[in-house]
N, C-alpha and C. Protein backbone atom coordinates (compact mmCIF):
# COMPACT_ATOMS: atom_id res chain seq x y z
N MET A 1 -93.20 3.17 -51.06
CA MET A 1 -91.54 2.39 -50.42
C MET A 1 -92.17 1.70 -49.78
N LYS A 2 -93.50 2.36 -48.62
CA LYS A 2 -93.57 0.90 -47.94
C LYS A 2 -94.71 -0.31 -48.22
N THR A 3 -95.23 0.03 -49.12
CA THR A 3 -96.07 -1.45 -50.15
C THR A 3 -95.07 -1.68 -50.40
N THR A 4 -93.79 -1.42 -51.54
CA THR A 4 -92.86 -2.03 -52.16
C THR A 4 -92.54 -3.34 -51.07
N LYS A 5 -91.99 -2.70 -49.72
CA LYS A 5 -91.12 -3.03 -48.87
C LYS A 5 -92.21 -4.38 -48.09
N ILE A 6 -93.47 -4.35 -48.45
CA ILE A 6 -94.35 -4.97 -47.73
C ILE A 6 -94.16 -6.37 -48.88
N VAL A 7 -94.61 -5.55 -50.55
CA VAL A 7 -94.17 -6.54 -51.78
C VAL A 7 -93.39 -7.71 -51.35
N LEU A 8 -91.58 -7.44 -51.61
CA LEU A 8 -90.39 -7.86 -50.78
C LEU A 8 -90.81 -9.16 -50.30
N VAL A 9 -91.66 -8.56 -48.47
CA VAL A 9 -91.01 -9.63 -47.79
C VAL A 9 -92.49 -10.61 -47.80
N LEU A 10 -93.26 -10.09 -48.63
CA LEU A 10 -94.18 -11.34 -48.74
C LEU A 10 -93.83 -12.24 -49.61
N ILE A 11 -93.07 -11.91 -50.85
CA ILE A 11 -92.20 -12.41 -52.30
C ILE A 11 -91.24 -13.45 -51.53
N THR A 12 -90.45 -12.77 -50.51
CA THR A 12 -89.87 -13.57 -49.75
C THR A 12 -90.09 -14.56 -49.24
N MET A 13 -91.72 -14.77 -48.39
CA MET A 13 -91.65 -15.45 -47.42
C MET A 13 -92.40 -16.63 -48.11
N LEU A 14 -93.14 -16.30 -49.54
CA LEU A 14 -93.77 -17.48 -50.57
C LEU A 14 -92.75 -18.09 -50.91
N ALA A 15 -91.28 -18.11 -51.32
CA ALA A 15 -90.65 -18.23 -52.21
C ALA A 15 -89.25 -19.24 -51.28
N ALA A 16 -88.90 -19.02 -49.91
CA ALA A 16 -88.73 -19.67 -48.82
C ALA A 16 -89.92 -20.89 -48.41
N GLN A 17 -90.87 -20.74 -48.45
CA GLN A 17 -92.06 -21.57 -48.07
C GLN A 17 -92.10 -22.73 -49.20
N LEU A 18 -92.66 -22.32 -50.33
CA LEU A 18 -92.68 -23.10 -51.96
C LEU A 18 -90.81 -23.41 -51.78
N SER A 19 -89.71 -23.77 -51.56
CA SER A 19 -88.61 -24.39 -51.85
C SER A 19 -88.57 -25.39 -50.23
N PHE A 20 -89.48 -25.06 -49.13
CA PHE A 20 -89.59 -26.03 -48.26
C PHE A 20 -90.36 -26.83 -48.75
N ALA A 21 -91.52 -26.65 -49.79
CA ALA A 21 -92.06 -27.77 -50.35
C ALA A 21 -91.84 -28.82 -51.05
N GLN A 22 -90.84 -28.22 -51.71
CA GLN A 22 -89.84 -28.87 -52.47
C GLN A 22 -88.76 -29.56 -51.80
N ASP A 23 -88.77 -29.64 -50.83
CA ASP A 23 -88.01 -30.68 -50.53
C ASP A 23 -88.92 -31.55 -49.07
N SER A 24 -89.56 -31.57 -49.12
CA SER A 24 -90.19 -32.14 -48.45
C SER A 24 -90.68 -33.85 -49.58
N LYS A 25 -90.81 -34.50 -49.22
CA LYS A 25 -90.81 -35.87 -50.06
C LYS A 25 -93.10 -36.44 -49.74
N ILE A 26 -93.44 -36.93 -50.34
CA ILE A 26 -94.60 -36.63 -50.97
C ILE A 26 -94.85 -38.47 -50.25
N GLU A 27 -95.55 -38.73 -48.67
CA GLU A 27 -95.28 -39.79 -48.63
C GLU A 27 -97.08 -40.49 -49.75
N SER A 28 -96.34 -41.98 -49.53
CA SER A 28 -97.38 -42.77 -49.94
C SER A 28 -97.65 -43.97 -49.90
N LEU A 29 -98.18 -45.12 -49.57
CA LEU A 29 -98.66 -46.44 -49.10
C LEU A 29 -97.61 -47.00 -49.98
N ALA A 30 -97.32 -46.80 -51.49
CA ALA A 30 -96.09 -48.06 -51.79
C ALA A 30 -94.58 -47.17 -51.58
N GLY A 31 -94.69 -45.90 -51.25
CA GLY A 31 -92.86 -44.90 -51.07
C GLY A 31 -93.07 -45.43 -49.59
N GLY A 32 -93.42 -44.84 -48.65
CA GLY A 32 -93.50 -44.91 -47.80
C GLY A 32 -93.07 -43.73 -46.43
N GLY A 33 -93.06 -42.73 -47.77
CA GLY A 33 -92.57 -41.25 -48.02
C GLY A 33 -90.69 -41.04 -48.22
N LYS A 34 -90.02 -42.55 -48.33
CA LYS A 34 -88.52 -42.85 -48.59
C LYS A 34 -88.56 -42.95 -50.12
N GLY A 35 -89.20 -43.12 -50.62
CA GLY A 35 -89.10 -43.09 -51.92
C GLY A 35 -88.32 -44.36 -52.59
N LYS A 36 -88.25 -44.96 -52.08
CA LYS A 36 -88.12 -46.42 -52.25
C LYS A 36 -88.98 -47.50 -52.49
N ILE A 37 -89.58 -48.32 -53.17
CA ILE A 37 -90.34 -49.19 -52.84
C ILE A 37 -89.65 -50.72 -53.13
N ARG A 38 -89.80 -51.94 -51.40
CA ARG A 38 -89.18 -52.84 -51.43
C ARG A 38 -90.27 -54.08 -52.42
N VAL A 39 -89.34 -54.76 -53.05
CA VAL A 39 -90.27 -55.81 -54.14
C VAL A 39 -90.19 -57.09 -53.83
N GLY A 40 -90.71 -58.00 -53.44
CA GLY A 40 -90.48 -59.53 -52.59
C GLY A 40 -91.30 -60.00 -53.29
N GLY A 41 -92.45 -61.05 -52.96
CA GLY A 41 -93.04 -61.97 -53.50
C GLY A 41 -92.91 -63.40 -53.37
N PHE A 42 -94.52 -64.31 -53.34
CA PHE A 42 -94.44 -65.17 -51.85
C PHE A 42 -94.95 -66.13 -52.96
N GLY A 43 -95.13 -67.67 -52.62
CA GLY A 43 -96.19 -68.85 -53.58
C GLY A 43 -96.97 -69.19 -51.74
N ALA A 44 -97.76 -69.76 -52.07
CA ALA A 44 -98.56 -70.18 -50.88
C ALA A 44 -99.23 -71.33 -50.76
N PRO A 45 -98.89 -72.56 -51.09
CA PRO A 45 -99.43 -73.88 -51.03
C PRO A 45 -100.52 -74.36 -49.75
N THR A 46 -101.91 -74.66 -50.00
CA THR A 46 -102.70 -74.09 -48.97
C THR A 46 -103.87 -75.37 -49.37
N ILE A 47 -104.00 -76.25 -47.88
CA ILE A 47 -105.17 -76.98 -48.06
C ILE A 47 -106.18 -77.13 -46.61
N LYS A 48 -107.79 -76.84 -47.28
CA LYS A 48 -108.71 -75.74 -47.42
C LYS A 48 -109.54 -77.43 -46.68
N PHE A 49 -110.19 -76.84 -45.27
CA PHE A 49 -111.30 -78.24 -45.12
C PHE A 49 -112.79 -77.14 -44.68
N THR A 50 -113.92 -77.78 -46.23
CA THR A 50 -114.66 -76.85 -46.07
C THR A 50 -116.07 -77.56 -45.64
N THR A 51 -116.91 -77.21 -46.00
CA THR A 51 -118.53 -77.82 -45.81
C THR A 51 -118.74 -77.57 -47.46
N PHE A 52 -119.68 -79.02 -48.14
CA PHE A 52 -119.46 -79.10 -49.09
C PHE A 52 -121.00 -78.99 -49.61
N ASP A 53 -122.16 -79.80 -49.87
CA ASP A 53 -123.10 -80.22 -50.10
C ASP A 53 -123.25 -80.85 -48.75
N ASP A 54 -123.19 -79.64 -48.16
CA ASP A 54 -123.60 -80.02 -46.19
C ASP A 54 -122.99 -81.71 -45.63
N GLN A 55 -121.39 -81.69 -46.93
CA GLN A 55 -120.03 -82.89 -46.02
C GLN A 55 -119.36 -82.01 -46.09
N LEU A 56 -118.69 -82.93 -45.29
CA LEU A 56 -116.44 -82.11 -45.37
C LEU A 56 -116.49 -82.63 -46.75
N GLY A 57 -115.70 -81.81 -47.35
CA GLY A 57 -114.83 -81.26 -48.19
C GLY A 57 -113.70 -80.60 -48.18
N ILE A 58 -112.41 -81.33 -48.77
CA ILE A 58 -111.20 -80.34 -48.86
C ILE A 58 -111.33 -80.50 -50.18
N LEU A 59 -110.42 -79.08 -49.95
CA LEU A 59 -110.15 -78.29 -51.04
C LEU A 59 -108.80 -78.54 -51.42
N MET A 60 -107.61 -78.08 -52.08
CA MET A 60 -106.23 -77.78 -51.93
C MET A 60 -105.92 -76.99 -53.34
N GLY A 61 -104.44 -75.73 -52.96
CA GLY A 61 -104.15 -75.50 -53.72
C GLY A 61 -103.91 -73.90 -53.27
N GLY A 62 -104.26 -72.66 -53.65
CA GLY A 62 -103.04 -72.06 -53.06
C GLY A 62 -102.52 -70.53 -53.54
N TYR A 63 -102.31 -69.98 -53.41
CA TYR A 63 -101.94 -68.55 -54.43
C TYR A 63 -100.83 -68.08 -54.49
N ALA A 64 -100.73 -67.25 -55.02
CA ALA A 64 -99.11 -66.40 -55.43
C ALA A 64 -99.37 -64.89 -56.28
N GLY A 65 -97.64 -63.92 -55.83
CA GLY A 65 -97.76 -63.27 -55.73
C GLY A 65 -97.12 -61.85 -55.71
N VAL A 66 -97.12 -60.86 -56.06
CA VAL A 66 -95.41 -59.82 -56.11
C VAL A 66 -96.12 -58.96 -54.70
N MET A 67 -94.82 -59.03 -53.60
CA MET A 67 -95.20 -58.32 -52.44
C MET A 67 -94.43 -56.92 -52.76
N LEU A 68 -95.29 -55.96 -52.30
CA LEU A 68 -94.40 -54.27 -52.05
C LEU A 68 -94.34 -54.19 -50.28
N ASN A 69 -93.50 -53.63 -50.54
CA ASN A 69 -93.02 -53.47 -49.11
C ASN A 69 -93.44 -53.78 -48.28
N SER A 70 -93.27 -55.23 -47.76
CA SER A 70 -93.91 -56.33 -47.10
C SER A 70 -94.83 -56.19 -46.66
N LYS A 71 -96.03 -55.11 -47.52
CA LYS A 71 -97.74 -55.19 -46.49
C LYS A 71 -98.45 -55.68 -48.22
N LEU A 72 -97.78 -54.75 -49.33
CA LEU A 72 -99.65 -55.86 -49.90
C LEU A 72 -99.19 -56.18 -51.08
N MET A 73 -99.52 -57.59 -50.89
CA MET A 73 -99.55 -58.26 -51.89
C MET A 73 -100.57 -58.81 -53.09
N LEU A 74 -100.17 -58.51 -54.34
CA LEU A 74 -101.03 -58.85 -55.40
C LEU A 74 -100.82 -60.15 -56.39
N GLY A 75 -101.58 -60.93 -56.77
CA GLY A 75 -101.04 -61.90 -57.09
C GLY A 75 -102.78 -62.66 -57.67
N ALA A 76 -102.31 -64.61 -57.44
CA ALA A 76 -103.76 -65.08 -57.81
C ALA A 76 -103.59 -65.88 -57.45
N GLY A 77 -104.55 -67.36 -57.38
CA GLY A 77 -104.99 -68.09 -56.50
C GLY A 77 -106.01 -68.96 -57.72
N ALA A 78 -105.44 -70.47 -56.82
CA ALA A 78 -107.12 -71.65 -57.41
C ALA A 78 -107.11 -72.52 -56.04
N TYR A 79 -108.24 -73.36 -56.32
CA TYR A 79 -108.45 -74.22 -55.68
C TYR A 79 -109.39 -75.33 -56.02
N ALA A 80 -109.43 -76.35 -55.92
CA ALA A 80 -110.10 -77.61 -56.21
C ALA A 80 -110.28 -78.48 -55.62
N LEU A 81 -111.77 -79.36 -55.31
CA LEU A 81 -112.25 -80.32 -54.65
C LEU A 81 -111.45 -81.22 -54.48
N VAL A 82 -110.79 -82.02 -53.51
CA VAL A 82 -109.88 -83.24 -54.56
C VAL A 82 -110.82 -84.23 -53.27
N ASN A 83 -111.57 -84.63 -52.65
CA ASN A 83 -112.44 -85.69 -52.12
C ASN A 83 -113.05 -86.07 -52.70
N ASN A 84 -113.59 -87.43 -52.49
CA ASN A 84 -114.95 -88.08 -53.03
C ASN A 84 -115.98 -87.67 -52.28
N ILE A 85 -116.70 -86.86 -52.69
CA ILE A 85 -118.62 -86.74 -52.60
C ILE A 85 -119.12 -87.10 -53.08
N GLU A 86 -119.72 -88.31 -52.93
CA GLU A 86 -121.26 -88.93 -53.91
C GLU A 86 -122.24 -87.57 -54.16
N ALA A 87 -122.93 -87.61 -54.91
CA ALA A 87 -124.24 -87.25 -55.68
C ALA A 87 -125.62 -87.76 -55.19
N ALA A 88 -125.90 -86.85 -54.76
CA ALA A 88 -127.46 -87.70 -55.11
C ALA A 88 -127.78 -88.77 -56.35
N ARG A 89 -128.55 -89.86 -56.20
CA ARG A 89 -129.14 -90.55 -57.29
C ARG A 89 -130.41 -90.22 -57.89
N THR A 90 -130.66 -89.70 -59.19
CA THR A 90 -132.09 -89.90 -59.37
C THR A 90 -133.19 -90.65 -59.14
N ASN A 91 -132.71 -91.85 -59.58
CA ASN A 91 -132.62 -93.41 -59.95
C ASN A 91 -131.50 -94.13 -58.72
N ALA A 92 -132.07 -95.70 -58.61
CA ALA A 92 -131.59 -95.88 -57.95
C ALA A 92 -130.77 -97.56 -59.26
N ALA A 93 -130.65 -97.07 -60.32
CA ALA A 93 -130.07 -97.60 -61.34
C ALA A 93 -128.82 -97.12 -61.93
N ASP A 94 -129.17 -95.73 -61.39
CA ASP A 94 -128.05 -94.72 -62.10
C ASP A 94 -126.60 -95.09 -61.00
N PRO A 95 -125.61 -94.82 -62.17
CA PRO A 95 -123.87 -95.55 -61.97
C PRO A 95 -123.92 -94.03 -60.89
N THR A 96 -123.47 -94.42 -59.80
CA THR A 96 -122.67 -93.63 -58.52
C THR A 96 -122.04 -92.33 -59.36
N LEU A 97 -122.67 -91.31 -58.63
CA LEU A 97 -121.36 -90.34 -59.44
C LEU A 97 -120.90 -89.46 -58.67
N TYR A 98 -120.13 -88.80 -58.86
CA TYR A 98 -118.97 -87.46 -57.85
C TYR A 98 -118.98 -86.77 -58.11
N TRP A 99 -118.90 -84.92 -57.34
CA TRP A 99 -118.84 -83.99 -57.44
C TRP A 99 -117.11 -83.28 -57.28
N ASN A 100 -117.14 -82.81 -58.58
CA ASN A 100 -115.92 -82.08 -58.27
C ASN A 100 -116.17 -80.42 -58.80
N MET A 101 -115.56 -79.90 -57.77
CA MET A 101 -115.42 -78.08 -58.19
C MET A 101 -114.06 -77.65 -58.25
N TRP A 102 -113.91 -76.42 -58.93
CA TRP A 102 -112.94 -75.46 -59.01
C TRP A 102 -112.77 -74.23 -58.88
N TYR A 103 -111.72 -73.61 -58.80
CA TYR A 103 -112.78 -72.34 -58.52
C TYR A 103 -111.13 -71.13 -58.66
N THR A 104 -111.14 -69.41 -59.50
CA THR A 104 -110.11 -69.40 -59.11
C THR A 104 -109.81 -68.26 -59.35
N GLY A 105 -109.55 -66.98 -59.04
CA GLY A 105 -109.31 -66.01 -59.16
C GLY A 105 -108.20 -64.84 -59.00
N PHE A 106 -108.45 -63.33 -58.35
CA PHE A 106 -107.44 -62.07 -58.17
C PHE A 106 -107.68 -62.49 -56.76
N VAL A 107 -106.74 -62.07 -56.47
CA VAL A 107 -106.30 -62.11 -54.94
C VAL A 107 -105.24 -61.09 -54.93
N PRO A 108 -105.98 -60.07 -53.40
CA PRO A 108 -105.18 -59.27 -52.84
C PRO A 108 -105.15 -59.18 -52.05
N GLU A 109 -103.83 -59.44 -51.03
CA GLU A 109 -103.54 -59.37 -49.17
C GLU A 109 -102.76 -58.43 -49.07
N TYR A 110 -103.52 -58.21 -47.03
CA TYR A 110 -102.21 -57.28 -46.10
C TYR A 110 -102.27 -57.86 -45.71
N THR A 111 -100.97 -57.33 -45.63
CA THR A 111 -100.21 -57.57 -44.11
C THR A 111 -99.73 -56.70 -42.65
N PHE A 112 -100.15 -57.10 -41.34
CA PHE A 112 -100.04 -55.67 -40.94
C PHE A 112 -98.81 -56.58 -39.58
N LYS A 113 -97.79 -55.75 -39.73
CA LYS A 113 -96.79 -55.57 -39.06
C LYS A 113 -96.03 -57.01 -39.36
N SER A 114 -95.27 -57.73 -40.73
CA SER A 114 -94.88 -58.28 -41.62
C SER A 114 -93.05 -59.02 -41.22
N ASN A 115 -93.22 -58.46 -40.10
CA ASN A 115 -91.94 -57.96 -39.33
C ASN A 115 -91.94 -58.86 -38.09
N LYS A 116 -92.66 -58.71 -37.00
CA LYS A 116 -93.49 -59.78 -35.54
C LYS A 116 -93.30 -60.78 -36.24
N LEU A 117 -92.69 -61.09 -34.92
CA LEU A 117 -92.50 -63.19 -35.43
C LEU A 117 -94.63 -63.29 -35.78
N PHE A 118 -95.40 -62.79 -34.50
CA PHE A 118 -96.63 -63.37 -35.27
C PHE A 118 -97.09 -62.23 -35.47
N HIS A 119 -98.54 -61.85 -36.14
CA HIS A 119 -98.86 -61.16 -37.12
C HIS A 119 -100.07 -61.70 -37.60
N ALA A 120 -100.79 -60.74 -38.87
CA ALA A 120 -102.33 -61.38 -39.26
C ALA A 120 -102.61 -60.66 -40.45
N ALA A 121 -102.65 -61.40 -41.77
CA ALA A 121 -103.45 -60.74 -42.72
C ALA A 121 -104.84 -60.92 -43.20
N VAL A 122 -105.51 -60.09 -44.02
CA VAL A 122 -106.60 -59.95 -44.54
C VAL A 122 -106.14 -60.59 -45.92
N SER A 123 -106.76 -61.47 -47.04
CA SER A 123 -107.20 -60.79 -48.21
C SER A 123 -108.34 -61.42 -48.38
N ALA A 124 -108.60 -61.67 -49.77
CA ALA A 124 -109.73 -62.40 -50.70
C ALA A 124 -109.34 -62.84 -51.86
N LEU A 125 -110.53 -63.60 -52.91
CA LEU A 125 -110.18 -64.70 -53.66
C LEU A 125 -111.32 -63.81 -53.98
N ILE A 126 -111.81 -62.94 -56.06
CA ILE A 126 -112.54 -62.83 -56.30
C ILE A 126 -112.52 -63.21 -57.79
N GLY A 127 -113.16 -63.96 -58.53
CA GLY A 127 -113.15 -64.95 -59.71
C GLY A 127 -114.72 -65.72 -59.96
N GLY A 128 -113.97 -67.20 -60.31
CA GLY A 128 -115.13 -67.90 -60.98
C GLY A 128 -115.06 -69.19 -61.04
N GLY A 129 -115.51 -69.90 -61.26
CA GLY A 129 -114.70 -71.58 -61.32
C GLY A 129 -116.62 -72.72 -62.10
N GLY A 130 -116.21 -73.81 -61.57
CA GLY A 130 -117.39 -74.53 -62.56
C GLY A 130 -117.13 -76.17 -61.34
N VAL A 131 -118.59 -76.52 -61.28
CA VAL A 131 -119.09 -77.50 -60.69
C VAL A 131 -119.85 -78.70 -61.59
N MET A 132 -119.34 -80.18 -61.35
CA MET A 132 -120.06 -80.47 -62.45
C MET A 132 -120.03 -82.26 -61.86
N LYS A 133 -120.57 -83.22 -62.35
CA LYS A 133 -120.34 -84.21 -61.88
C LYS A 133 -119.94 -85.79 -62.46
N ASN A 134 -119.20 -86.75 -62.48
CA ASN A 134 -118.70 -87.67 -62.74
C ASN A 134 -118.89 -88.80 -62.25
N GLU A 135 -118.27 -89.41 -62.72
CA GLU A 135 -118.19 -91.17 -62.05
C GLU A 135 -117.46 -92.07 -61.39
N ARG A 136 -116.28 -90.48 -61.83
CA ARG A 136 -114.77 -90.54 -60.42
C ARG A 136 -114.22 -89.61 -60.70
N TYR A 137 -113.16 -88.98 -60.22
CA TYR A 137 -112.67 -88.08 -60.38
C TYR A 137 -111.71 -88.03 -60.68
N LYS A 138 -111.20 -88.00 -62.09
CA LYS A 138 -109.56 -87.71 -63.19
C LYS A 138 -109.66 -86.45 -63.30
N GLY A 139 -110.03 -84.84 -62.33
CA GLY A 139 -109.82 -83.71 -62.82
C GLY A 139 -110.34 -83.20 -64.37
N PHE A 140 -109.63 -83.01 -64.93
CA PHE A 140 -110.35 -82.04 -66.06
C PHE A 140 -109.93 -83.14 -68.30
N ASP A 141 -108.75 -84.55 -67.42
CA ASP A 141 -108.10 -84.83 -68.69
C ASP A 141 -109.67 -85.21 -69.66
N GLU A 142 -109.08 -85.90 -70.83
CA GLU A 142 -109.71 -86.27 -71.69
C GLU A 142 -110.84 -86.93 -71.57
N ASP A 143 -110.15 -88.10 -70.98
CA ASP A 143 -111.19 -89.72 -70.87
C ASP A 143 -112.37 -89.50 -70.18
N SER A 144 -112.52 -87.93 -68.64
CA SER A 144 -112.66 -87.14 -68.19
C SER A 144 -114.76 -86.86 -68.87
N ASP A 145 -115.72 -88.00 -68.44
CA ASP A 145 -117.15 -87.42 -68.77
C ASP A 145 -117.66 -86.53 -67.87
N ASN A 146 -117.30 -85.67 -67.95
CA ASN A 146 -118.40 -84.45 -67.05
C ASN A 146 -119.67 -84.51 -66.56
N LEU A 147 -120.30 -84.44 -66.61
CA LEU A 147 -121.61 -84.42 -66.59
C LEU A 147 -122.55 -83.14 -66.22
N ASP A 148 -123.30 -82.38 -66.91
CA ASP A 148 -123.86 -81.05 -66.15
C ASP A 148 -123.63 -80.12 -65.76
N TYR A 149 -121.84 -79.92 -66.65
CA TYR A 149 -121.18 -78.42 -66.26
C TYR A 149 -122.40 -77.65 -65.38
N SER A 150 -121.47 -76.65 -64.90
CA SER A 150 -121.96 -75.46 -64.98
C SER A 150 -120.96 -73.64 -63.99
N GLY A 151 -120.72 -72.77 -64.89
CA GLY A 151 -119.91 -71.96 -64.07
C GLY A 151 -120.40 -71.00 -63.08
N PHE A 152 -119.80 -71.16 -62.66
CA PHE A 152 -120.75 -70.03 -61.24
C PHE A 152 -119.19 -68.54 -61.12
N PHE A 153 -119.67 -67.31 -60.52
CA PHE A 153 -118.95 -66.18 -60.01
C PHE A 153 -118.83 -67.06 -58.33
N VAL A 154 -116.76 -66.45 -57.74
CA VAL A 154 -117.14 -66.76 -56.45
C VAL A 154 -116.60 -65.21 -55.67
N ALA A 155 -116.55 -65.07 -54.45
CA ALA A 155 -116.08 -64.73 -53.81
C ALA A 155 -115.42 -65.27 -52.13
N GLU A 156 -114.80 -65.09 -52.02
CA GLU A 156 -113.75 -64.96 -50.68
C GLU A 156 -112.51 -64.58 -50.59
N PRO A 157 -113.38 -63.90 -48.99
CA PRO A 157 -112.71 -63.46 -47.76
C PRO A 157 -112.33 -64.03 -47.24
N GLN A 158 -110.31 -63.80 -46.62
CA GLN A 158 -109.88 -64.56 -46.24
C GLN A 158 -108.49 -64.01 -44.37
N VAL A 159 -108.79 -64.31 -43.32
CA VAL A 159 -107.94 -63.98 -42.53
C VAL A 159 -107.55 -64.85 -42.13
N ASN A 160 -105.85 -64.19 -42.21
CA ASN A 160 -105.13 -65.25 -41.48
C ASN A 160 -103.60 -64.80 -40.63
N PHE A 161 -103.21 -65.95 -39.59
CA PHE A 161 -103.33 -65.67 -38.51
C PHE A 161 -101.20 -66.58 -38.45
N GLU A 162 -100.13 -65.74 -38.49
CA GLU A 162 -99.26 -66.13 -39.38
C GLU A 162 -97.91 -66.11 -37.94
N MET A 163 -96.65 -66.46 -38.14
CA MET A 163 -95.72 -67.08 -37.28
C MET A 163 -94.42 -67.22 -38.22
N ASN A 164 -93.65 -66.56 -38.28
CA ASN A 164 -92.22 -66.53 -39.75
C ASN A 164 -91.23 -67.29 -38.74
N ILE A 165 -90.81 -68.26 -39.70
CA ILE A 165 -89.98 -69.46 -39.15
C ILE A 165 -88.20 -69.07 -39.25
N THR A 166 -88.46 -68.33 -40.80
CA THR A 166 -87.67 -68.01 -41.25
C THR A 166 -87.80 -66.91 -41.72
N SER A 167 -86.71 -65.72 -42.47
CA SER A 167 -86.83 -64.88 -42.62
C SER A 167 -88.02 -64.62 -44.47
N TYR A 168 -87.62 -66.43 -45.35
CA TYR A 168 -88.49 -66.73 -46.06
C TYR A 168 -89.28 -68.10 -46.10
N LEU A 169 -89.84 -67.98 -44.86
CA LEU A 169 -90.49 -69.00 -44.51
C LEU A 169 -91.44 -68.29 -43.78
N ARG A 170 -92.51 -68.69 -43.49
CA ARG A 170 -93.55 -68.91 -42.49
C ARG A 170 -95.17 -69.56 -42.92
N VAL A 171 -95.45 -69.99 -42.00
CA VAL A 171 -96.75 -70.89 -42.18
C VAL A 171 -97.67 -70.06 -40.99
N ALA A 172 -98.96 -70.58 -41.68
CA ALA A 172 -99.97 -69.53 -41.60
C ALA A 172 -101.64 -70.22 -40.96
N ILE A 173 -102.30 -70.25 -39.98
CA ILE A 173 -103.74 -70.97 -39.94
C ILE A 173 -104.51 -69.67 -39.77
N GLY A 174 -105.55 -70.01 -40.29
CA GLY A 174 -107.22 -68.83 -40.50
C GLY A 174 -108.41 -70.04 -41.00
N GLY A 175 -109.11 -68.89 -41.48
CA GLY A 175 -110.31 -68.88 -41.81
C GLY A 175 -111.22 -68.30 -43.06
N SER A 176 -111.98 -68.75 -43.98
CA SER A 176 -112.75 -67.86 -45.03
C SER A 176 -113.51 -68.50 -44.57
N TYR A 177 -114.64 -67.63 -45.46
CA TYR A 177 -116.75 -68.03 -46.50
C TYR A 177 -116.37 -67.44 -47.85
N ARG A 178 -116.38 -68.78 -48.34
CA ARG A 178 -116.98 -68.89 -50.53
C ARG A 178 -118.09 -68.68 -50.14
N PHE A 179 -118.71 -67.45 -50.75
CA PHE A 179 -119.85 -66.90 -51.39
C PHE A 179 -120.31 -67.48 -52.89
N VAL A 180 -120.61 -68.37 -52.99
CA VAL A 180 -120.99 -68.77 -54.73
C VAL A 180 -122.72 -68.55 -55.20
N SER A 181 -122.34 -67.41 -56.21
CA SER A 181 -123.69 -67.19 -57.27
C SER A 181 -123.23 -67.88 -58.59
N GLY A 182 -124.22 -68.32 -59.30
CA GLY A 182 -124.43 -68.64 -60.42
C GLY A 182 -124.73 -69.95 -61.27
N SER A 183 -124.47 -70.85 -60.00
CA SER A 183 -124.09 -71.86 -60.59
C SER A 183 -125.95 -73.18 -61.14
N SER A 184 -126.18 -74.38 -61.63
CA SER A 184 -127.02 -74.68 -62.16
C SER A 184 -126.81 -76.14 -62.59
N THR A 185 -126.06 -76.48 -61.81
CA THR A 185 -125.74 -77.45 -62.16
C THR A 185 -127.09 -78.60 -61.35
N GLN A 186 -127.43 -79.36 -61.58
CA GLN A 186 -128.59 -80.03 -60.95
C GLN A 186 -128.51 -80.93 -59.86
N GLY A 187 -128.91 -80.65 -58.78
CA GLY A 187 -129.26 -81.65 -57.61
C GLY A 187 -127.77 -80.84 -56.64
N ILE A 188 -127.42 -79.29 -56.43
CA ILE A 188 -126.43 -78.49 -55.90
C ILE A 188 -127.29 -77.15 -55.68
N THR A 189 -127.02 -76.22 -55.33
CA THR A 189 -127.14 -74.75 -54.80
C THR A 189 -126.25 -74.76 -55.10
N ASP A 190 -126.50 -73.36 -55.28
CA ASP A 190 -125.30 -72.40 -54.15
C ASP A 190 -125.12 -72.06 -53.22
N ASP A 191 -126.08 -71.88 -52.66
CA ASP A 191 -126.16 -72.47 -51.09
C ASP A 191 -125.21 -73.47 -50.13
N LYS A 192 -125.38 -74.46 -50.83
CA LYS A 192 -124.67 -75.66 -50.92
C LYS A 192 -123.30 -75.20 -50.94
N LEU A 193 -123.34 -75.20 -51.96
CA LEU A 193 -121.84 -75.04 -52.61
C LEU A 193 -121.04 -73.57 -51.96
N SER A 194 -121.49 -72.52 -51.07
CA SER A 194 -120.92 -71.67 -49.97
C SER A 194 -120.24 -72.48 -49.10
N GLY A 195 -119.63 -71.72 -48.24
CA GLY A 195 -119.43 -72.12 -46.81
C GLY A 195 -118.56 -71.73 -45.71
N PRO A 196 -117.89 -71.86 -45.22
CA PRO A 196 -116.64 -71.71 -43.94
C PRO A 196 -116.04 -72.83 -44.05
N ALA A 197 -114.97 -71.92 -44.38
CA ALA A 197 -113.25 -73.70 -44.50
C ALA A 197 -113.11 -72.67 -43.95
N ALA A 198 -111.56 -73.62 -42.79
CA ALA A 198 -109.98 -73.78 -42.25
C ALA A 198 -109.55 -74.11 -42.92
N HIS A 199 -108.05 -73.19 -42.53
CA HIS A 199 -107.26 -74.17 -43.60
C HIS A 199 -105.79 -73.26 -43.14
N PHE A 200 -104.91 -73.83 -43.45
CA PHE A 200 -103.08 -74.13 -43.24
C PHE A 200 -102.60 -73.66 -44.55
N THR A 201 -101.58 -73.04 -44.51
CA THR A 201 -101.05 -72.73 -45.32
C THR A 201 -99.15 -72.43 -45.40
N ILE A 202 -98.64 -72.31 -46.42
CA ILE A 202 -97.34 -72.72 -45.78
C ILE A 202 -96.97 -71.29 -47.29
N LYS A 203 -96.13 -69.98 -46.13
CA LYS A 203 -95.95 -69.36 -47.28
C LYS A 203 -94.10 -69.04 -47.71
N ALA A 204 -93.99 -69.39 -48.62
CA ALA A 204 -92.28 -68.97 -49.14
C ALA A 204 -91.89 -68.27 -50.38
N GLY A 205 -91.08 -67.69 -49.85
CA GLY A 205 -90.72 -66.89 -51.16
C GLY A 205 -89.80 -65.24 -50.22
N ARG A 206 -89.95 -64.34 -50.59
CA ARG A 206 -88.91 -62.96 -50.26
C ARG A 206 -90.32 -62.04 -49.61
N PHE A 207 -89.90 -61.89 -48.53
CA PHE A 207 -91.46 -60.99 -47.94
C PHE A 207 -91.19 -59.95 -47.35
């Protein structure tokens, strides 16, 4: 009888423990233990001032994506060189050629204390792009004679310091470093395509 009572007490204690465990909610990064995920999103047009072939380069572009719980954003971004930078000539009689570069990729971003007036965010772009020369900047239309095109891999970690203007609008300044690998266009190297950048960003959306 004594053994039976001990077994019954143990079973009762185990059942109570299991009941408590079932009532407890699982904590997770996405759910925060509340069982609900806040889904938002934003677009972020950006201008970057960077080094390109040891000269000042201006990149225009931006990124956009879905934001979860005002913290984690998953999206994509793209940038392109927009100012004219002359490529070195092999012969004096050669026509003047200008550099063109673009890159795009997947962008994850994590924002710290997004509800605060001033806060920070870290992100990275991981993807690929291309570099080439042409006689003048035309982008990628049919009349553009792109010379010596090559593709490359790019990875660009970034940090933002942000300020909320309204609940749907914020501005950010920050910096990044562009790592380029795999280009083969004559007259420029991966090191000259790589470099630091300072940027200004406007974010608009549901945070």
